[in-house]
Amino acid sequence: MVVLSPNYASSSWCLDELSKIFYCMEARNRILRVSYDVDPSHARKQMGTFAEAFDRHEENFQEDSAKVRHWRALLTKLGNLAGWASKDRQESGDA
């Protein structure tokens, strides 16, 4: 399960973990995407906070641009997967 949030792409650690998740689970077709307060199309198209994060990654990883391209491709795949979105759901409150 991958929980996609507005700041997900700003973490190179999360993007590296996403790469491992796809490597291990894609062949089994068992990746579940949960979008938390973000439209999955923003990940797929690298818009909004995802675009800002990748601007920074391109600066920080100039010597390893293949890694950034790989992360972009993974987020495109992730955005295309069926999943659950919490954007319009009410958070559970005190009972």
N, C-alpha and C. Protein backbone atom coordinates (compact mmCIF):
# COMPACT_ATOMS: atom_id res chain seq x y z
N MET A 1 0.84 -1.16 0.00
CA MET A 1 0.00 0.00 0.00
C MET A 1 0.89 1.24 0.00
N VAL A 2 0.57 2.16 -0.87
CA VAL A 2 1.28 3.43 -0.96
C VAL A 2 0.29 4.52 -0.61
N VAL A 3 0.62 5.32 0.40
CA VAL A 3 -0.24 6.44 0.78
C VAL A 3 0.36 7.70 0.15
N LEU A 4 -0.34 8.20 -0.82
CA LEU A 4 0.10 9.36 -1.58
C LEU A 4 -0.44 10.62 -0.92
N SER A 5 0.44 11.53 -0.56
CA SER A 5 0.04 12.78 0.10
C SER A 5 0.60 13.96 -0.70
N PRO A 6 0.16 15.18 -0.39
CA PRO A 6 0.64 16.34 -1.16
C PRO A 6 2.16 16.50 -1.16
N ASN A 7 2.82 16.10 -0.08
CA ASN A 7 4.28 16.28 0.02
C ASN A 7 5.07 15.00 -0.25
N TYR A 8 4.40 13.96 -0.74
CA TYR A 8 5.04 12.67 -0.97
C TYR A 8 6.29 12.79 -1.83
N ALA A 9 6.19 13.50 -2.93
CA ALA A 9 7.31 13.59 -3.89
C ALA A 9 8.48 14.40 -3.37
N SER A 10 8.30 15.14 -2.29
CA SER A 10 9.41 15.93 -1.78
C SER A 10 10.44 15.06 -1.05
N SER A 11 10.07 13.83 -0.73
CA SER A 11 10.96 12.92 -0.01
C SER A 11 11.64 11.95 -0.96
N SER A 12 12.94 12.07 -1.10
CA SER A 12 13.68 11.12 -1.94
C SER A 12 13.61 9.73 -1.32
N TRP A 13 13.52 9.64 0.00
CA TRP A 13 13.39 8.35 0.66
C TRP A 13 12.08 7.67 0.22
N CYS A 14 10.97 8.41 0.23
CA CYS A 14 9.68 7.85 -0.20
C CYS A 14 9.76 7.39 -1.65
N LEU A 15 10.40 8.16 -2.49
CA LEU A 15 10.51 7.80 -3.91
C LEU A 15 11.38 6.56 -4.10
N ASP A 16 12.44 6.44 -3.32
CA ASP A 16 13.26 5.22 -3.37
C ASP A 16 12.45 4.01 -2.89
N GLU A 17 11.67 4.20 -1.84
CA GLU A 17 10.82 3.11 -1.34
C GLU A 17 9.76 2.74 -2.38
N LEU A 18 9.23 3.73 -3.07
CA LEU A 18 8.26 3.46 -4.13
C LEU A 18 8.88 2.58 -5.21
N SER A 19 10.12 2.83 -5.52
CA SER A 19 10.83 2.02 -6.50
C SER A 19 10.91 0.57 -6.02
N LYS A 20 11.21 0.36 -4.75
CA LYS A 20 11.29 -0.99 -4.19
C LYS A 20 9.92 -1.66 -4.19
N ILE A 21 8.88 -0.90 -3.87
CA ILE A 21 7.52 -1.45 -3.86
C ILE A 21 7.14 -1.92 -5.25
N PHE A 22 7.40 -1.10 -6.25
CA PHE A 22 7.08 -1.50 -7.61
C PHE A 22 7.89 -2.72 -8.02
N TYR A 23 9.15 -2.77 -7.66
CA TYR A 23 9.99 -3.91 -8.02
C TYR A 23 9.43 -5.20 -7.42
N CYS A 24 9.01 -5.14 -6.17
CA CYS A 24 8.55 -6.34 -5.47
C CYS A 24 7.11 -6.72 -5.79
N MET A 25 6.26 -5.75 -6.01
CA MET A 25 4.83 -6.03 -6.05
C MET A 25 4.15 -5.88 -7.40
N GLU A 26 4.76 -5.20 -8.35
CA GLU A 26 4.09 -4.95 -9.62
C GLU A 26 3.76 -6.25 -10.35
N ALA A 27 4.67 -7.21 -10.35
CA ALA A 27 4.43 -8.47 -11.05
C ALA A 27 3.24 -9.22 -10.46
N ARG A 28 2.99 -9.01 -9.19
CA ARG A 28 1.86 -9.66 -8.52
C ARG A 28 0.58 -8.85 -8.64
N ASN A 29 0.69 -7.65 -9.20
CA ASN A 29 -0.46 -6.75 -9.36
C ASN A 29 -1.13 -6.49 -8.02
N ARG A 30 -0.32 -6.17 -7.01
CA ARG A 30 -0.84 -5.99 -5.66
C ARG A 30 -0.44 -4.66 -5.05
N ILE A 31 -0.42 -3.63 -5.81
CA ILE A 31 -0.11 -2.32 -5.27
C ILE A 31 -1.42 -1.56 -5.10
N LEU A 32 -1.68 -1.13 -3.89
CA LEU A 32 -2.87 -0.33 -3.61
C LEU A 32 -2.43 1.09 -3.33
N ARG A 33 -3.04 2.04 -4.03
CA ARG A 33 -2.74 3.45 -3.83
C ARG A 33 -3.85 4.08 -3.02
N VAL A 34 -3.47 4.76 -1.97
CA VAL A 34 -4.40 5.57 -1.19
C VAL A 34 -3.97 7.01 -1.37
N SER A 35 -4.88 7.83 -1.85
CA SER A 35 -4.57 9.25 -2.05
C SER A 35 -5.15 10.03 -0.88
N TYR A 36 -4.27 10.64 -0.10
CA TYR A 36 -4.68 11.38 1.07
C TYR A 36 -4.56 12.88 0.80
N ASP A 37 -5.68 13.52 0.61
CA ASP A 37 -5.74 14.97 0.41
C ASP A 37 -4.97 15.42 -0.83
N VAL A 38 -4.97 14.56 -1.86
CA VAL A 38 -4.30 14.91 -3.11
C VAL A 38 -5.02 14.21 -4.26
N ASP A 39 -5.09 14.87 -5.39
CA ASP A 39 -5.66 14.28 -6.59
C ASP A 39 -4.60 13.39 -7.24
N PRO A 40 -4.90 12.11 -7.50
CA PRO A 40 -3.89 11.23 -8.09
C PRO A 40 -3.37 11.73 -9.44
N SER A 41 -4.15 12.54 -10.14
CA SER A 41 -3.67 13.07 -11.42
C SER A 41 -2.49 14.02 -11.22
N HIS A 42 -2.37 14.63 -10.04
CA HIS A 42 -1.23 15.50 -9.76
C HIS A 42 0.05 14.68 -9.71
N ALA A 43 -0.03 13.46 -9.19
CA ALA A 43 1.14 12.58 -9.19
C ALA A 43 1.41 12.12 -10.61
N ARG A 44 0.36 11.69 -11.29
CA ARG A 44 0.50 11.16 -12.65
C ARG A 44 1.12 12.18 -13.59
N LYS A 45 0.71 13.43 -13.48
CA LYS A 45 1.18 14.48 -14.39
C LYS A 45 2.26 15.37 -13.77
N GLN A 46 2.64 15.06 -12.53
CA GLN A 46 3.60 15.88 -11.77
C GLN A 46 3.22 17.35 -11.80
N MET A 47 2.06 17.62 -11.25
CA MET A 47 1.53 18.98 -11.15
C MET A 47 1.55 19.43 -9.69
N GLY A 48 1.40 20.72 -9.46
CA GLY A 48 1.28 21.25 -8.10
C GLY A 48 2.52 20.98 -7.27
N THR A 49 2.30 20.43 -6.06
CA THR A 49 3.42 20.16 -5.16
C THR A 49 4.38 19.12 -5.73
N PHE A 50 3.87 18.25 -6.60
CA PHE A 50 4.73 17.25 -7.24
C PHE A 50 5.70 17.92 -8.22
N ALA A 51 5.22 18.91 -8.95
CA ALA A 51 6.09 19.65 -9.87
C ALA A 51 7.16 20.41 -9.09
N GLU A 52 6.76 21.04 -7.99
CA GLU A 52 7.72 21.78 -7.16
C GLU A 52 8.79 20.84 -6.62
N ALA A 53 8.37 19.67 -6.15
CA ALA A 53 9.33 18.70 -5.59
C ALA A 53 10.31 18.24 -6.66
N PHE A 54 9.82 17.99 -7.86
CA PHE A 54 10.71 17.52 -8.91
C PHE A 54 11.64 18.61 -9.42
N ASP A 55 11.23 19.85 -9.34
CA ASP A 55 12.16 20.94 -9.65
C ASP A 55 13.35 20.88 -8.71
N ARG A 56 13.08 20.65 -7.42
CA ARG A 56 14.17 20.55 -6.43
C ARG A 56 15.01 19.29 -6.66
N HIS A 57 14.35 18.18 -6.96
CA HIS A 57 15.10 16.94 -7.21
C HIS A 57 16.03 17.08 -8.42
N GLU A 58 15.56 17.75 -9.45
CA GLU A 58 16.41 17.94 -10.63
C GLU A 58 17.64 18.77 -10.31
N GLU A 59 17.51 19.73 -9.39
CA GLU A 59 18.67 20.50 -8.95
C GLU A 59 19.60 19.65 -8.08
N ASN A 60 19.01 18.91 -7.14
CA ASN A 60 19.80 18.15 -6.18
C ASN A 60 20.43 16.89 -6.76
N PHE A 61 19.85 16.34 -7.80
CA PHE A 61 20.34 15.10 -8.39
C PHE A 61 20.81 15.32 -9.83
N GLN A 62 21.50 16.42 -10.06
CA GLN A 62 21.97 16.73 -11.42
C GLN A 62 22.86 15.63 -11.97
N GLU A 63 23.66 15.00 -11.11
CA GLU A 63 24.57 13.96 -11.56
C GLU A 63 23.85 12.62 -11.78
N ASP A 64 22.63 12.51 -11.31
CA ASP A 64 21.88 11.26 -11.43
C ASP A 64 20.47 11.55 -11.98
N SER A 65 20.44 12.14 -13.15
CA SER A 65 19.15 12.52 -13.74
C SER A 65 18.30 11.30 -14.09
N ALA A 66 18.95 10.14 -14.29
CA ALA A 66 18.21 8.91 -14.57
C ALA A 66 17.32 8.53 -13.39
N LYS A 67 17.81 8.77 -12.18
CA LYS A 67 17.04 8.47 -10.97
C LYS A 67 15.78 9.32 -10.94
N VAL A 68 15.91 10.59 -11.26
CA VAL A 68 14.75 11.50 -11.26
C VAL A 68 13.76 11.08 -12.34
N ARG A 69 14.25 10.71 -13.51
CA ARG A 69 13.35 10.23 -14.57
C ARG A 69 12.62 8.96 -14.13
N HIS A 70 13.33 8.08 -13.44
CA HIS A 70 12.72 6.85 -12.93
C HIS A 70 11.62 7.18 -11.92
N TRP A 71 11.89 8.08 -11.00
CA TRP A 71 10.87 8.50 -10.03
C TRP A 71 9.64 9.08 -10.72
N ARG A 72 9.88 9.89 -11.73
CA ARG A 72 8.75 10.48 -12.48
C ARG A 72 7.90 9.38 -13.12
N ALA A 73 8.56 8.41 -13.72
CA ALA A 73 7.84 7.32 -14.38
C ALA A 73 7.03 6.51 -13.36
N LEU A 74 7.61 6.28 -12.19
CA LEU A 74 6.90 5.54 -11.15
C LEU A 74 5.67 6.29 -10.66
N LEU A 75 5.80 7.59 -10.48
CA LEU A 75 4.64 8.38 -10.04
C LEU A 75 3.55 8.40 -11.10
N THR A 76 3.94 8.39 -12.36
CA THR A 76 2.96 8.31 -13.44
C THR A 76 2.21 6.98 -13.34
N LYS A 77 2.95 5.89 -13.16
CA LYS A 77 2.33 4.57 -13.00
C LYS A 77 1.42 4.54 -11.78
N LEU A 78 1.92 5.08 -10.67
CA LEU A 78 1.15 5.08 -9.43
C LEU A 78 -0.15 5.86 -9.59
N GLY A 79 -0.08 7.00 -10.25
CA GLY A 79 -1.27 7.80 -10.48
C GLY A 79 -2.30 7.12 -11.36
N ASN A 80 -1.85 6.18 -12.18
CA ASN A 80 -2.75 5.44 -13.06
C ASN A 80 -3.39 4.22 -12.40
N LEU A 81 -2.87 3.81 -11.24
CA LEU A 81 -3.41 2.64 -10.57
C LEU A 81 -4.76 2.96 -9.93
N ALA A 82 -5.59 1.94 -9.87
CA ALA A 82 -6.84 2.09 -9.12
C ALA A 82 -6.47 2.26 -7.65
N GLY A 83 -7.26 3.02 -6.95
CA GLY A 83 -6.97 3.23 -5.55
C GLY A 83 -8.11 3.89 -4.83
N TRP A 84 -7.85 4.26 -3.62
CA TRP A 84 -8.84 4.88 -2.76
C TRP A 84 -8.41 6.31 -2.49
N ALA A 85 -9.36 7.22 -2.54
CA ALA A 85 -9.06 8.64 -2.29
C ALA A 85 -9.78 9.10 -1.04
N SER A 86 -9.07 9.76 -0.15
CA SER A 86 -9.68 10.27 1.07
C SER A 86 -9.99 11.76 0.98
N LYS A 87 -9.76 12.34 -0.18
CA LYS A 87 -9.90 13.79 -0.34
C LYS A 87 -11.27 14.30 0.09
N ASP A 88 -12.33 13.57 -0.26
CA ASP A 88 -13.67 14.03 0.04
C ASP A 88 -14.27 13.35 1.27
N ARG A 89 -13.46 12.59 1.99
CA ARG A 89 -13.95 11.87 3.15
C ARG A 89 -13.74 12.70 4.41
N GLN A 90 -14.66 12.56 5.34
CA GLN A 90 -14.55 13.22 6.64
C GLN A 90 -13.62 12.40 7.52
N GLU A 91 -12.72 13.06 8.23
CA GLU A 91 -11.86 12.37 9.18
C GLU A 91 -12.72 11.88 10.33
N SER A 92 -12.36 10.74 10.90
CA SER A 92 -13.14 10.25 12.03
C SER A 92 -12.86 11.13 13.25
N GLY A 93 -13.88 11.43 13.98
CA GLY A 93 -13.75 12.31 15.14
C GLY A 93 -13.85 11.53 16.43
N ASP A 94 -13.96 12.24 17.51
CA ASP A 94 -14.11 11.60 18.81
C ASP A 94 -15.47 10.93 18.88
N ALA A 95 -15.51 9.73 19.39
CA ALA A 95 -16.78 9.01 19.50
C ALA A 95 -17.36 9.12 20.88
